[in-house]
Amino acid sequence: MNEKSLMQLFEKSSMEQLQKSSEDYFRLMAYYRCAMMEVETKFNVLNEEFSLRLDRNPINSIKSRLKKPLSVKEKMERKSLPATAEAIEETLNDVAGVRVVCSFLEDVYLLADALLKQDDVTLIARKDYIQNPKPNGYRSLHLIVSVPIFLANEKKMMRVEIQLRTIAMDCWASLEHQLKYKKDTPFTEEMMQELYACAVISKELDERMDALRKGAFVDKTEET
């Protein structure tokens, strides 16, 4: 085989490998989207059930996001691992993310406990940044869970990162992210201190609103 034929074979092999890797990646992302839909459905069902029991909706909103390809690639590089579909699925827990914004502080734990009681949900990791906030003041309850998705010929277990937080926590986190990562504005020590002070106010707001909730709403199941 001459040099030209060898080069053509190499290029063909590389293209075929690249195409297969691309197909595997997009198939995996489709599986993650299915897993997010599964988790969202579970929370919507719980929201409907608790709305009857509590006479209000504990969930204010549900948002989902799939990690962008560049973010996935950079995270795999930091771990010194190849960005293949197999390695991504085995290594990363946060490719698929669901954020549940709750009306009150108590609702965060109410929904988390109800979800984890379901026999097809497996808890992989739990980080409670509400009881133990991050140094910058960030508060949220993080769960990594594994849920089944049912395909035409198989069942797959997929991991999803869930963040549960109150409206006040979500407002603080969203604004903190905008301020901290604004490219044309330096993030100073004074800004960091002010954001922490806002996080303390956010915590106090949650506690005061939760106290008001206890007087305004009655769990109907406790009346019977």
N, C-alpha and C. Protein backbone atom coordinates (compact mmCIF):
# COMPACT_ATOMS: atom_id res chain seq x y z
N MET A 1 0.86 -1.20 0.00
CA MET A 1 0.00 0.00 0.00
C MET A 1 0.89 1.24 0.00
N ASN A 2 0.66 2.17 -0.98
CA ASN A 2 1.48 3.37 -1.05
C ASN A 2 1.04 4.41 -0.01
N GLU A 3 1.81 5.47 0.09
CA GLU A 3 1.57 6.49 1.12
C GLU A 3 0.22 7.17 0.94
N LYS A 4 -0.16 7.43 -0.33
CA LYS A 4 -1.43 8.10 -0.60
C LYS A 4 -2.61 7.23 -0.17
N SER A 5 -2.56 5.93 -0.49
CA SER A 5 -3.63 5.01 -0.11
C SER A 5 -3.72 4.88 1.40
N LEU A 6 -2.55 4.86 2.07
CA LEU A 6 -2.53 4.76 3.52
C LEU A 6 -3.17 6.00 4.15
N MET A 7 -2.87 7.17 3.60
CA MET A 7 -3.44 8.42 4.11
C MET A 7 -4.96 8.45 3.93
N GLN A 8 -5.43 7.99 2.77
CA GLN A 8 -6.87 7.95 2.52
C GLN A 8 -7.58 7.02 3.49
N LEU A 9 -6.96 5.85 3.76
CA LEU A 9 -7.53 4.90 4.70
C LEU A 9 -7.58 5.49 6.10
N PHE A 10 -6.50 6.20 6.49
CA PHE A 10 -6.44 6.83 7.82
C PHE A 10 -7.53 7.89 7.96
N GLU A 11 -7.69 8.71 6.91
CA GLU A 11 -8.69 9.76 6.96
C GLU A 11 -10.09 9.17 7.03
N LYS A 12 -10.34 8.10 6.29
CA LYS A 12 -11.64 7.44 6.31
C LYS A 12 -11.92 6.86 7.68
N SER A 13 -10.91 6.22 8.27
CA SER A 13 -11.06 5.63 9.59
C SER A 13 -11.35 6.70 10.63
N SER A 14 -10.64 7.83 10.54
CA SER A 14 -10.82 8.92 11.50
C SER A 14 -12.21 9.51 11.39
N MET A 15 -12.69 9.70 10.16
CA MET A 15 -14.02 10.26 9.95
C MET A 15 -15.11 9.33 10.47
N GLU A 16 -14.91 8.04 10.23
CA GLU A 16 -15.89 7.06 10.71
C GLU A 16 -15.92 7.04 12.24
N GLN A 17 -14.73 7.12 12.84
CA GLN A 17 -14.65 7.13 14.31
C GLN A 17 -15.28 8.40 14.87
N LEU A 18 -15.00 9.53 14.19
CA LEU A 18 -15.57 10.80 14.63
C LEU A 18 -17.09 10.78 14.53
N GLN A 19 -17.60 10.20 13.43
CA GLN A 19 -19.04 10.12 13.24
C GLN A 19 -19.69 9.25 14.31
N LYS A 20 -19.04 8.12 14.62
CA LYS A 20 -19.59 7.23 15.65
C LYS A 20 -19.57 7.90 17.02
N SER A 21 -18.48 8.61 17.33
CA SER A 21 -18.38 9.32 18.61
C SER A 21 -19.48 10.37 18.72
N SER A 22 -19.72 11.07 17.60
CA SER A 22 -20.76 12.10 17.58
C SER A 22 -22.14 11.49 17.79
N GLU A 23 -22.40 10.37 17.11
CA GLU A 23 -23.69 9.69 17.27
C GLU A 23 -23.89 9.21 18.70
N ASP A 24 -22.84 8.65 19.29
CA ASP A 24 -22.91 8.17 20.68
C ASP A 24 -23.19 9.32 21.64
N TYR A 25 -22.54 10.47 21.38
CA TYR A 25 -22.72 11.64 22.25
C TYR A 25 -24.16 12.15 22.18
N PHE A 26 -24.69 12.32 20.97
CA PHE A 26 -26.05 12.84 20.83
C PHE A 26 -27.09 11.86 21.36
N ARG A 27 -26.81 10.56 21.24
CA ARG A 27 -27.72 9.56 21.82
C ARG A 27 -27.73 9.68 23.34
N LEU A 28 -26.54 9.85 23.93
CA LEU A 28 -26.45 10.01 25.39
C LEU A 28 -27.18 11.26 25.84
N MET A 29 -27.04 12.36 25.11
CA MET A 29 -27.73 13.59 25.48
C MET A 29 -29.25 13.41 25.41
N ALA A 30 -29.70 12.61 24.44
CA ALA A 30 -31.14 12.32 24.35
C ALA A 30 -31.60 11.54 25.57
N TYR A 31 -30.78 10.62 26.05
CA TYR A 31 -31.11 9.86 27.26
C TYR A 31 -31.20 10.80 28.47
N TYR A 32 -30.27 11.75 28.55
CA TYR A 32 -30.30 12.71 29.66
C TYR A 32 -31.56 13.58 29.60
N ARG A 33 -31.96 13.97 28.40
CA ARG A 33 -33.20 14.75 28.27
C ARG A 33 -34.40 13.94 28.75
N CYS A 34 -34.41 12.66 28.41
CA CYS A 34 -35.50 11.79 28.88
C CYS A 34 -35.50 11.71 30.41
N ALA A 35 -34.31 11.62 31.00
CA ALA A 35 -34.21 11.55 32.46
C ALA A 35 -34.72 12.83 33.11
N MET A 36 -34.41 13.98 32.51
CA MET A 36 -34.91 15.25 33.04
C MET A 36 -36.43 15.30 32.97
N MET A 37 -36.99 14.82 31.87
CA MET A 37 -38.46 14.79 31.73
C MET A 37 -39.07 13.89 32.79
N GLU A 38 -38.41 12.78 33.08
CA GLU A 38 -38.89 11.85 34.10
C GLU A 38 -38.93 12.52 35.47
N VAL A 39 -37.86 13.23 35.81
CA VAL A 39 -37.78 13.91 37.11
C VAL A 39 -38.80 15.04 37.17
N GLU A 40 -38.93 15.81 36.10
CA GLU A 40 -39.91 16.89 36.07
C GLU A 40 -41.33 16.35 36.27
N THR A 41 -41.64 15.24 35.63
CA THR A 41 -42.97 14.63 35.78
C THR A 41 -43.22 14.23 37.22
N LYS A 42 -42.21 13.66 37.85
CA LYS A 42 -42.36 13.25 39.26
C LYS A 42 -42.67 14.45 40.14
N PHE A 43 -41.97 15.55 39.91
CA PHE A 43 -42.22 16.75 40.72
C PHE A 43 -43.58 17.37 40.41
N ASN A 44 -43.99 17.33 39.16
CA ASN A 44 -45.32 17.86 38.82
C ASN A 44 -46.43 17.06 39.48
N VAL A 45 -46.26 15.74 39.54
CA VAL A 45 -47.24 14.89 40.22
C VAL A 45 -47.27 15.21 41.71
N LEU A 46 -46.10 15.36 42.32
CA LEU A 46 -46.04 15.70 43.75
C LEU A 46 -46.67 17.07 44.01
N ASN A 47 -46.42 18.00 43.12
CA ASN A 47 -47.00 19.34 43.27
C ASN A 47 -48.52 19.29 43.25
N GLU A 48 -49.07 18.46 42.36
CA GLU A 48 -50.52 18.30 42.26
C GLU A 48 -51.07 17.67 43.54
N GLU A 49 -50.39 16.64 44.02
CA GLU A 49 -50.86 15.96 45.24
C GLU A 49 -50.83 16.90 46.45
N PHE A 50 -49.70 17.59 46.63
CA PHE A 50 -49.57 18.47 47.79
C PHE A 50 -50.47 19.70 47.69
N SER A 51 -50.85 20.10 46.47
CA SER A 51 -51.76 21.23 46.34
C SER A 51 -53.13 20.91 46.95
N LEU A 52 -53.53 19.64 46.92
CA LEU A 52 -54.79 19.22 47.53
C LEU A 52 -54.66 19.15 49.05
N ARG A 53 -53.52 18.66 49.49
CA ARG A 53 -53.31 18.48 50.92
C ARG A 53 -53.03 19.80 51.65
N LEU A 54 -52.28 20.67 51.00
CA LEU A 54 -51.85 21.91 51.64
C LEU A 54 -52.67 23.12 51.23
N ASP A 55 -53.55 22.93 50.25
CA ASP A 55 -54.36 24.02 49.72
C ASP A 55 -53.50 25.12 49.10
N ARG A 56 -52.37 24.73 48.54
CA ARG A 56 -51.46 25.64 47.85
C ARG A 56 -50.46 24.78 47.08
N ASN A 57 -49.75 25.40 46.14
CA ASN A 57 -48.72 24.69 45.38
C ASN A 57 -47.35 24.90 46.01
N PRO A 58 -46.69 23.85 46.44
CA PRO A 58 -45.36 24.01 47.02
C PRO A 58 -44.29 24.38 45.99
N ILE A 59 -44.55 24.09 44.71
CA ILE A 59 -43.57 24.39 43.66
C ILE A 59 -43.95 25.67 42.93
N ASN A 60 -43.02 26.59 42.89
CA ASN A 60 -43.23 27.85 42.17
C ASN A 60 -42.86 27.69 40.69
N SER A 61 -41.77 26.99 40.42
CA SER A 61 -41.35 26.75 39.04
C SER A 61 -40.37 25.59 38.97
N ILE A 62 -40.27 24.99 37.79
CA ILE A 62 -39.30 23.92 37.53
C ILE A 62 -38.56 24.28 36.26
N LYS A 63 -37.24 24.24 36.34
CA LYS A 63 -36.40 24.52 35.17
C LYS A 63 -35.44 23.36 34.97
N SER A 64 -35.14 23.06 33.73
CA SER A 64 -34.17 22.00 33.45
C SER A 64 -33.12 22.52 32.49
N ARG A 65 -31.93 21.94 32.55
CA ARG A 65 -30.88 22.34 31.62
C ARG A 65 -29.95 21.16 31.37
N LEU A 66 -29.44 21.11 30.14
CA LEU A 66 -28.47 20.11 29.73
C LEU A 66 -27.13 20.80 29.59
N LYS A 67 -26.10 20.27 30.22
CA LYS A 67 -24.78 20.89 30.17
C LYS A 67 -24.31 21.05 28.73
N LYS A 68 -23.78 22.21 28.40
CA LYS A 68 -23.33 22.47 27.03
C LYS A 68 -22.11 21.62 26.69
N PRO A 69 -21.98 21.25 25.40
CA PRO A 69 -20.85 20.39 24.99
C PRO A 69 -19.49 20.93 25.41
N LEU A 70 -19.27 22.25 25.28
CA LEU A 70 -17.98 22.83 25.66
C LEU A 70 -17.72 22.66 27.15
N SER A 71 -18.77 22.86 27.98
CA SER A 71 -18.63 22.69 29.43
C SER A 71 -18.31 21.24 29.78
N VAL A 72 -18.96 20.32 29.08
CA VAL A 72 -18.70 18.89 29.31
C VAL A 72 -17.25 18.58 28.96
N LYS A 73 -16.81 19.07 27.79
CA LYS A 73 -15.43 18.81 27.34
C LYS A 73 -14.41 19.37 28.33
N GLU A 74 -14.63 20.61 28.79
CA GLU A 74 -13.69 21.23 29.72
C GLU A 74 -13.64 20.49 31.05
N LYS A 75 -14.79 20.02 31.51
CA LYS A 75 -14.82 19.29 32.78
C LYS A 75 -14.10 17.95 32.66
N MET A 76 -14.27 17.27 31.54
CA MET A 76 -13.57 16.00 31.32
C MET A 76 -12.07 16.23 31.21
N GLU A 77 -11.66 17.33 30.59
CA GLU A 77 -10.24 17.65 30.47
C GLU A 77 -9.62 17.92 31.83
N ARG A 78 -10.38 18.60 32.72
CA ARG A 78 -9.87 18.86 34.06
C ARG A 78 -9.67 17.56 34.84
N LYS A 79 -10.45 16.55 34.50
CA LYS A 79 -10.31 15.24 35.13
C LYS A 79 -9.32 14.34 34.39
N SER A 80 -8.71 14.89 33.32
CA SER A 80 -7.76 14.14 32.49
C SER A 80 -8.39 12.88 31.92
N LEU A 81 -9.63 13.02 31.45
CA LEU A 81 -10.36 11.90 30.88
C LEU A 81 -10.83 12.23 29.47
N PRO A 82 -11.00 11.23 28.62
CA PRO A 82 -11.50 11.50 27.26
C PRO A 82 -12.96 11.89 27.29
N ALA A 83 -13.35 12.77 26.39
CA ALA A 83 -14.75 13.25 26.35
C ALA A 83 -15.60 12.31 25.50
N THR A 84 -15.50 11.01 25.78
CA THR A 84 -16.33 10.04 25.07
C THR A 84 -17.65 9.88 25.80
N ALA A 85 -18.66 9.40 25.08
CA ALA A 85 -19.98 9.22 25.69
C ALA A 85 -19.89 8.27 26.89
N GLU A 86 -19.12 7.21 26.75
CA GLU A 86 -18.99 6.23 27.84
C GLU A 86 -18.36 6.85 29.07
N ALA A 87 -17.28 7.61 28.87
CA ALA A 87 -16.59 8.25 30.00
C ALA A 87 -17.46 9.31 30.66
N ILE A 88 -18.19 10.07 29.85
CA ILE A 88 -19.08 11.11 30.38
C ILE A 88 -20.14 10.49 31.27
N GLU A 89 -20.78 9.43 30.77
CA GLU A 89 -21.85 8.78 31.53
C GLU A 89 -21.34 8.18 32.83
N GLU A 90 -20.13 7.65 32.82
CA GLU A 90 -19.57 7.01 34.01
C GLU A 90 -19.08 8.02 35.03
N THR A 91 -18.64 9.20 34.56
CA THR A 91 -17.92 10.13 35.43
C THR A 91 -18.76 11.30 35.95
N LEU A 92 -19.53 11.93 35.08
CA LEU A 92 -20.20 13.18 35.44
C LEU A 92 -21.59 12.94 36.02
N ASN A 93 -21.91 13.71 37.06
CA ASN A 93 -23.22 13.62 37.71
C ASN A 93 -24.15 14.76 37.35
N ASP A 94 -23.61 15.80 36.73
CA ASP A 94 -24.39 17.04 36.54
C ASP A 94 -24.64 17.40 35.08
N VAL A 95 -24.58 16.43 34.18
CA VAL A 95 -24.87 16.72 32.77
C VAL A 95 -26.33 17.15 32.63
N ALA A 96 -27.22 16.42 33.28
CA ALA A 96 -28.64 16.77 33.30
C ALA A 96 -28.96 17.43 34.63
N GLY A 97 -29.61 18.58 34.58
CA GLY A 97 -29.93 19.30 35.80
C GLY A 97 -31.37 19.76 35.84
N VAL A 98 -31.99 19.61 37.00
CA VAL A 98 -33.36 20.08 37.21
C VAL A 98 -33.37 20.97 38.44
N ARG A 99 -33.89 22.19 38.30
CA ARG A 99 -33.97 23.12 39.43
C ARG A 99 -35.43 23.31 39.81
N VAL A 100 -35.73 23.04 41.06
CA VAL A 100 -37.09 23.18 41.58
C VAL A 100 -37.11 24.36 42.54
N VAL A 101 -37.87 25.37 42.19
CA VAL A 101 -37.99 26.56 43.04
C VAL A 101 -39.28 26.45 43.84
N CYS A 102 -39.12 26.45 45.15
CA CYS A 102 -40.25 26.21 46.05
C CYS A 102 -40.77 27.51 46.66
N SER A 103 -42.02 27.45 47.09
CA SER A 103 -42.64 28.64 47.67
C SER A 103 -42.06 28.96 49.05
N PHE A 104 -41.89 27.92 49.88
CA PHE A 104 -41.43 28.13 51.25
C PHE A 104 -40.30 27.16 51.59
N LEU A 105 -39.55 27.49 52.63
CA LEU A 105 -38.41 26.70 53.05
C LEU A 105 -38.80 25.26 53.37
N GLU A 106 -39.91 25.08 54.07
CA GLU A 106 -40.35 23.73 54.45
C GLU A 106 -40.62 22.87 53.21
N ASP A 107 -41.05 23.51 52.12
CA ASP A 107 -41.39 22.77 50.90
C ASP A 107 -40.17 22.09 50.28
N VAL A 108 -39.00 22.68 50.45
CA VAL A 108 -37.78 22.09 49.90
C VAL A 108 -37.59 20.68 50.43
N TYR A 109 -37.70 20.53 51.76
CA TYR A 109 -37.48 19.22 52.37
C TYR A 109 -38.68 18.30 52.19
N LEU A 110 -39.87 18.89 52.14
CA LEU A 110 -41.08 18.11 51.91
C LEU A 110 -41.00 17.40 50.56
N LEU A 111 -40.61 18.13 49.53
CA LEU A 111 -40.53 17.57 48.18
C LEU A 111 -39.36 16.61 48.03
N ALA A 112 -38.23 16.96 48.63
CA ALA A 112 -37.06 16.09 48.54
C ALA A 112 -37.35 14.74 49.19
N ASP A 113 -37.94 14.76 50.37
CA ASP A 113 -38.26 13.51 51.08
C ASP A 113 -39.26 12.68 50.29
N ALA A 114 -40.27 13.33 49.72
CA ALA A 114 -41.29 12.61 48.96
C ALA A 114 -40.69 11.96 47.71
N LEU A 115 -39.80 12.68 47.05
CA LEU A 115 -39.16 12.13 45.85
C LEU A 115 -38.31 10.92 46.20
N LEU A 116 -37.52 11.04 47.25
CA LEU A 116 -36.57 9.97 47.59
C LEU A 116 -37.26 8.73 48.15
N LYS A 117 -38.52 8.85 48.53
CA LYS A 117 -39.28 7.68 49.00
C LYS A 117 -39.75 6.81 47.84
N GLN A 118 -39.73 7.33 46.63
CA GLN A 118 -40.19 6.58 45.46
C GLN A 118 -39.20 5.46 45.16
N ASP A 119 -39.73 4.25 44.94
CA ASP A 119 -38.86 3.08 44.86
C ASP A 119 -38.03 2.99 43.58
N ASP A 120 -38.28 3.86 42.60
CA ASP A 120 -37.45 3.84 41.40
C ASP A 120 -36.45 5.00 41.37
N VAL A 121 -36.33 5.70 42.48
CA VAL A 121 -35.36 6.80 42.60
C VAL A 121 -34.26 6.37 43.56
N THR A 122 -33.02 6.42 43.09
CA THR A 122 -31.88 6.05 43.92
C THR A 122 -31.04 7.29 44.22
N LEU A 123 -30.83 7.55 45.50
CA LEU A 123 -30.00 8.70 45.90
C LEU A 123 -28.53 8.31 45.79
N ILE A 124 -27.78 9.13 45.06
CA ILE A 124 -26.34 8.91 44.91
C ILE A 124 -25.55 9.83 45.83
N ALA A 125 -25.98 11.09 45.92
CA ALA A 125 -25.28 12.06 46.78
C ALA A 125 -26.26 13.14 47.19
N ARG A 126 -26.01 13.70 48.36
CA ARG A 126 -26.86 14.78 48.90
C ARG A 126 -25.95 15.82 49.55
N LYS A 127 -26.12 17.09 49.17
CA LYS A 127 -25.38 18.18 49.78
C LYS A 127 -26.38 19.26 50.20
N ASP A 128 -26.44 19.50 51.49
CA ASP A 128 -27.40 20.47 52.02
C ASP A 128 -26.70 21.79 52.28
N TYR A 129 -26.78 22.69 51.30
CA TYR A 129 -26.20 24.02 51.45
C TYR A 129 -27.17 25.00 52.10
N ILE A 130 -28.31 24.48 52.56
CA ILE A 130 -29.23 25.32 53.34
C ILE A 130 -28.81 25.29 54.80
N GLN A 131 -28.62 24.07 55.30
CA GLN A 131 -28.14 23.93 56.68
C GLN A 131 -26.67 24.33 56.80
N ASN A 132 -25.91 24.12 55.72
CA ASN A 132 -24.48 24.47 55.71
C ASN A 132 -24.17 25.28 54.45
N PRO A 133 -24.48 26.58 54.48
CA PRO A 133 -24.28 27.42 53.28
C PRO A 133 -22.82 27.46 52.85
N LYS A 134 -22.61 27.73 51.57
CA LYS A 134 -21.25 27.93 51.07
C LYS A 134 -20.69 29.23 51.65
N PRO A 135 -19.37 29.38 51.66
CA PRO A 135 -18.76 30.59 52.25
C PRO A 135 -19.28 31.91 51.66
N ASN A 136 -19.71 31.89 50.40
CA ASN A 136 -20.22 33.14 49.79
C ASN A 136 -21.68 33.41 50.13
N GLY A 137 -22.32 32.48 50.88
CA GLY A 137 -23.72 32.66 51.26
C GLY A 137 -24.70 31.84 50.46
N TYR A 138 -24.24 31.14 49.43
CA TYR A 138 -25.11 30.33 48.57
C TYR A 138 -25.85 29.27 49.38
N ARG A 139 -27.17 29.17 49.13
CA ARG A 139 -27.99 28.16 49.83
C ARG A 139 -28.84 27.40 48.81
N SER A 140 -28.89 26.10 48.96
CA SER A 140 -29.70 25.25 48.11
C SER A 140 -29.52 23.82 48.58
N LEU A 141 -30.48 22.96 48.29
CA LEU A 141 -30.36 21.54 48.58
C LEU A 141 -30.06 20.83 47.26
N HIS A 142 -28.92 20.14 47.20
CA HIS A 142 -28.51 19.44 45.99
C HIS A 142 -28.66 17.94 46.17
N LEU A 143 -29.28 17.30 45.20
CA LEU A 143 -29.41 15.85 45.19
C LEU A 143 -28.90 15.33 43.85
N ILE A 144 -28.11 14.27 43.90
CA ILE A 144 -27.78 13.51 42.69
C ILE A 144 -28.57 12.22 42.78
N VAL A 145 -29.45 11.99 41.81
CA VAL A 145 -30.27 10.79 41.84
C VAL A 145 -30.12 10.03 40.53
N SER A 146 -30.45 8.76 40.60
CA SER A 146 -30.50 7.92 39.41
C SER A 146 -31.95 7.50 39.20
N VAL A 147 -32.45 7.72 37.97
CA VAL A 147 -33.84 7.37 37.65
C VAL A 147 -33.86 6.52 36.38
N PRO A 148 -34.87 5.66 36.24
CA PRO A 148 -34.95 4.84 35.03
C PRO A 148 -35.64 5.58 33.90
N ILE A 149 -35.15 5.36 32.68
CA ILE A 149 -35.89 5.79 31.50
C ILE A 149 -36.18 4.53 30.69
N PHE A 150 -37.38 4.46 30.14
CA PHE A 150 -37.82 3.26 29.44
C PHE A 150 -37.81 3.51 27.94
N LEU A 151 -36.88 2.84 27.26
CA LEU A 151 -36.73 2.97 25.82
C LEU A 151 -37.48 1.84 25.13
N ALA A 152 -37.41 1.80 23.82
CA ALA A 152 -38.18 0.81 23.06
C ALA A 152 -37.80 -0.62 23.45
N ASN A 153 -36.48 -0.85 23.66
CA ASN A 153 -36.04 -2.22 23.92
C ASN A 153 -35.22 -2.38 25.18
N GLU A 154 -35.15 -1.34 26.00
CA GLU A 154 -34.34 -1.45 27.21
C GLU A 154 -34.74 -0.39 28.24
N LYS A 155 -34.29 -0.63 29.45
CA LYS A 155 -34.42 0.35 30.52
C LYS A 155 -33.02 0.80 30.91
N LYS A 156 -32.82 2.12 31.01
CA LYS A 156 -31.53 2.66 31.41
C LYS A 156 -31.67 3.50 32.66
N MET A 157 -30.69 3.40 33.53
CA MET A 157 -30.64 4.25 34.70
C MET A 157 -29.75 5.45 34.39
N MET A 158 -30.30 6.65 34.56
CA MET A 158 -29.58 7.87 34.25
C MET A 158 -29.51 8.78 35.47
N ARG A 159 -28.39 9.48 35.60
CA ARG A 159 -28.20 10.37 36.73
C ARG A 159 -28.63 11.81 36.41
N VAL A 160 -29.25 12.43 37.40
CA VAL A 160 -29.72 13.81 37.27
C VAL A 160 -29.35 14.58 38.53
N GLU A 161 -28.85 15.78 38.35
CA GLU A 161 -28.60 16.67 39.50
C GLU A 161 -29.86 17.50 39.73
N ILE A 162 -30.33 17.50 40.97
CA ILE A 162 -31.52 18.27 41.34
C ILE A 162 -31.13 19.34 42.35
N GLN A 163 -31.55 20.56 42.08
CA GLN A 163 -31.37 21.65 43.03
C GLN A 163 -32.75 22.10 43.50
N LEU A 164 -32.95 22.07 44.80
CA LEU A 164 -34.20 22.56 45.38
C LEU A 164 -33.89 23.79 46.20
N ARG A 165 -34.63 24.85 45.96
CA ARG A 165 -34.38 26.11 46.67
C ARG A 165 -35.66 26.93 46.74
N THR A 166 -35.68 27.91 47.60
CA THR A 166 -36.83 28.81 47.70
C THR A 166 -36.71 29.92 46.67
N ILE A 167 -37.78 30.72 46.55
CA ILE A 167 -37.77 31.85 45.63
C ILE A 167 -36.66 32.83 46.01
N ALA A 168 -36.49 33.07 47.31
CA ALA A 168 -35.45 34.00 47.77
C ALA A 168 -34.06 33.47 47.44
N MET A 169 -33.84 32.17 47.64
CA MET A 169 -32.54 31.57 47.32
C MET A 169 -32.26 31.66 45.83
N ASP A 170 -33.28 31.42 45.02
CA ASP A 170 -33.11 31.43 43.57
C ASP A 170 -32.82 32.83 43.07
N CYS A 171 -33.50 33.81 43.64
CA CYS A 171 -33.27 35.21 43.26
C CYS A 171 -31.83 35.60 43.57
N TRP A 172 -31.36 35.27 44.78
CA TRP A 172 -29.98 35.61 45.18
C TRP A 172 -28.98 34.93 44.26
N ALA A 173 -29.16 33.62 44.02
CA ALA A 173 -28.21 32.86 43.20
C ALA A 173 -28.14 33.38 41.77
N SER A 174 -29.30 33.74 41.21
CA SER A 174 -29.34 34.24 39.83
C SER A 174 -28.62 35.58 39.71
N LEU A 175 -28.86 36.48 40.66
CA LEU A 175 -28.23 37.79 40.61
C LEU A 175 -26.74 37.70 40.93
N GLU A 176 -26.37 36.80 41.86
CA GLU A 176 -24.96 36.60 42.19
C GLU A 176 -24.19 36.13 40.97
N HIS A 177 -24.78 35.23 40.21
CA HIS A 177 -24.12 34.70 39.01
C HIS A 177 -23.93 35.80 37.97
N GLN A 178 -24.95 36.65 37.78
CA GLN A 178 -24.85 37.73 36.81
C GLN A 178 -23.75 38.73 37.21
N LEU A 179 -23.69 39.05 38.49
CA LEU A 179 -22.71 40.03 38.95
C LEU A 179 -21.29 39.46 38.93
N LYS A 180 -21.15 38.23 39.36
CA LYS A 180 -19.82 37.63 39.48
C LYS A 180 -19.18 37.35 38.14
N TYR A 181 -19.99 36.99 37.15
CA TYR A 181 -19.43 36.59 35.86
C TYR A 181 -19.66 37.62 34.76
N LYS A 182 -19.98 38.85 35.16
CA LYS A 182 -20.11 39.94 34.18
C LYS A 182 -18.71 40.31 33.70
N LYS A 183 -18.45 40.18 32.40
CA LYS A 183 -17.10 40.26 31.87
C LYS A 183 -16.47 41.65 31.98
N ASP A 184 -17.28 42.70 31.84
CA ASP A 184 -16.70 44.04 31.79
C ASP A 184 -16.68 44.74 33.15
N THR A 185 -16.98 43.98 34.22
CA THR A 185 -16.97 44.57 35.56
C THR A 185 -16.16 43.71 36.51
N PRO A 186 -15.12 44.25 37.16
CA PRO A 186 -14.34 43.46 38.11
C PRO A 186 -15.17 43.13 39.35
N PHE A 187 -15.01 41.92 39.83
CA PHE A 187 -15.75 41.49 41.03
C PHE A 187 -14.86 41.74 42.24
N THR A 188 -15.19 42.76 42.99
CA THR A 188 -14.33 43.22 44.08
C THR A 188 -14.67 42.53 45.41
N GLU A 189 -13.77 42.72 46.37
CA GLU A 189 -13.98 42.18 47.72
C GLU A 189 -15.21 42.83 48.36
N GLU A 190 -15.41 44.12 48.11
CA GLU A 190 -16.56 44.83 48.66
C GLU A 190 -17.87 44.26 48.11
N MET A 191 -17.88 43.94 46.83
CA MET A 191 -19.07 43.33 46.22
C MET A 191 -19.34 41.95 46.83
N MET A 192 -18.28 41.20 47.07
CA MET A 192 -18.43 39.89 47.67
C MET A 192 -19.04 39.99 49.07
N GLN A 193 -18.58 40.97 49.85
CA GLN A 193 -19.11 41.17 51.20
C GLN A 193 -20.57 41.60 51.15
N GLU A 194 -20.91 42.46 50.20
CA GLU A 194 -22.29 42.93 50.07
C GLU A 194 -23.21 41.80 49.65
N LEU A 195 -22.74 40.92 48.76
CA LEU A 195 -23.53 39.77 48.34
C LEU A 195 -23.77 38.82 49.51
N TYR A 196 -22.75 38.67 50.35
CA TYR A 196 -22.93 37.81 51.53
C TYR A 196 -23.98 38.42 52.46
N ALA A 197 -23.95 39.73 52.62
CA ALA A 197 -24.94 40.40 53.46
C ALA A 197 -26.34 40.20 52.89
N CYS A 198 -26.45 40.23 51.56
CA CYS A 198 -27.75 39.98 50.91
C CYS A 198 -28.20 38.54 51.13
N ALA A 199 -27.25 37.61 51.17
CA ALA A 199 -27.58 36.21 51.43
C ALA A 199 -28.15 36.04 52.84
N VAL A 200 -27.61 36.78 53.79
CA VAL A 200 -28.11 36.74 55.17
C VAL A 200 -29.54 37.28 55.22
N ILE A 201 -29.79 38.36 54.50
CA ILE A 201 -31.14 38.93 54.43
C ILE A 201 -32.09 37.93 53.78
N SER A 202 -31.62 37.26 52.73
CA SER A 202 -32.42 36.24 52.05
C SER A 202 -32.81 35.12 53.00
N LYS A 203 -31.87 34.70 53.84
CA LYS A 203 -32.14 33.65 54.82
C LYS A 203 -33.19 34.11 55.84
N GLU A 204 -33.06 35.33 56.29
CA GLU A 204 -34.03 35.88 57.25
C GLU A 204 -35.41 35.98 56.61
N LEU A 205 -35.46 36.37 55.34
CA LEU A 205 -36.73 36.46 54.63
C LEU A 205 -37.41 35.09 54.57
N ASP A 206 -36.65 34.06 54.24
CA ASP A 206 -37.20 32.69 54.19
C ASP A 206 -37.78 32.28 55.54
N GLU A 207 -37.07 32.57 56.60
CA GLU A 207 -37.51 32.18 57.95
C GLU A 207 -38.78 32.93 58.34
N ARG A 208 -38.85 34.21 58.02
CA ARG A 208 -40.03 35.00 58.37
C ARG A 208 -41.24 34.60 57.54
N MET A 209 -41.01 34.32 56.24
CA MET A 209 -42.11 33.88 55.39
C MET A 209 -42.61 32.49 55.80
N ASP A 210 -41.69 31.65 56.25
CA ASP A 210 -42.09 30.31 56.71
C ASP A 210 -42.92 30.41 57.98
N ALA A 211 -42.57 31.38 58.86
CA ALA A 211 -43.36 31.59 60.07
C ALA A 211 -44.76 32.07 59.72
N LEU A 212 -44.87 32.93 58.72
CA LEU A 212 -46.18 33.39 58.27
C LEU A 212 -47.00 32.25 57.66
N ARG A 213 -46.30 31.38 56.92
CA ARG A 213 -46.97 30.22 56.31
C ARG A 213 -47.65 29.35 57.35
N LYS A 214 -46.99 29.14 58.48
CA LYS A 214 -47.52 28.26 59.52
C LYS A 214 -48.85 28.77 60.07
N GLY A 215 -49.02 30.09 60.04
CA GLY A 215 -50.28 30.65 60.53
C GLY A 215 -51.34 30.77 59.46
N ALA A 216 -50.91 30.77 58.19
CA ALA A 216 -51.85 31.01 57.09
C ALA A 216 -52.40 29.74 56.47
N PHE A 217 -51.61 28.65 56.50
CA PHE A 217 -52.03 27.42 55.85
C PHE A 217 -52.08 26.27 56.85
N VAL A 218 -53.03 25.37 56.65
CA VAL A 218 -53.20 24.21 57.51
C VAL A 218 -53.12 22.96 56.66
N ASP A 219 -52.33 21.99 57.11
CA ASP A 219 -52.26 20.70 56.42
C ASP A 219 -53.58 19.95 56.64
N LYS A 220 -54.32 19.73 55.59
CA LYS A 220 -55.65 19.12 55.70
C LYS A 220 -55.59 17.71 56.24
N THR A 221 -54.49 17.01 56.03
CA THR A 221 -54.38 15.65 56.53
C THR A 221 -54.26 15.62 58.05
N GLU A 222 -53.83 16.74 58.64
CA GLU A 222 -53.71 16.80 60.10
C GLU A 222 -55.04 17.09 60.77
N GLU A 223 -56.04 17.51 59.97
CA GLU A 223 -57.34 17.82 60.54
C GLU A 223 -58.20 16.57 60.75
N THR A 224 -57.84 15.51 59.99
CA THR A 224 -58.65 14.27 60.05
C THR A 224 -58.10 13.32 61.10
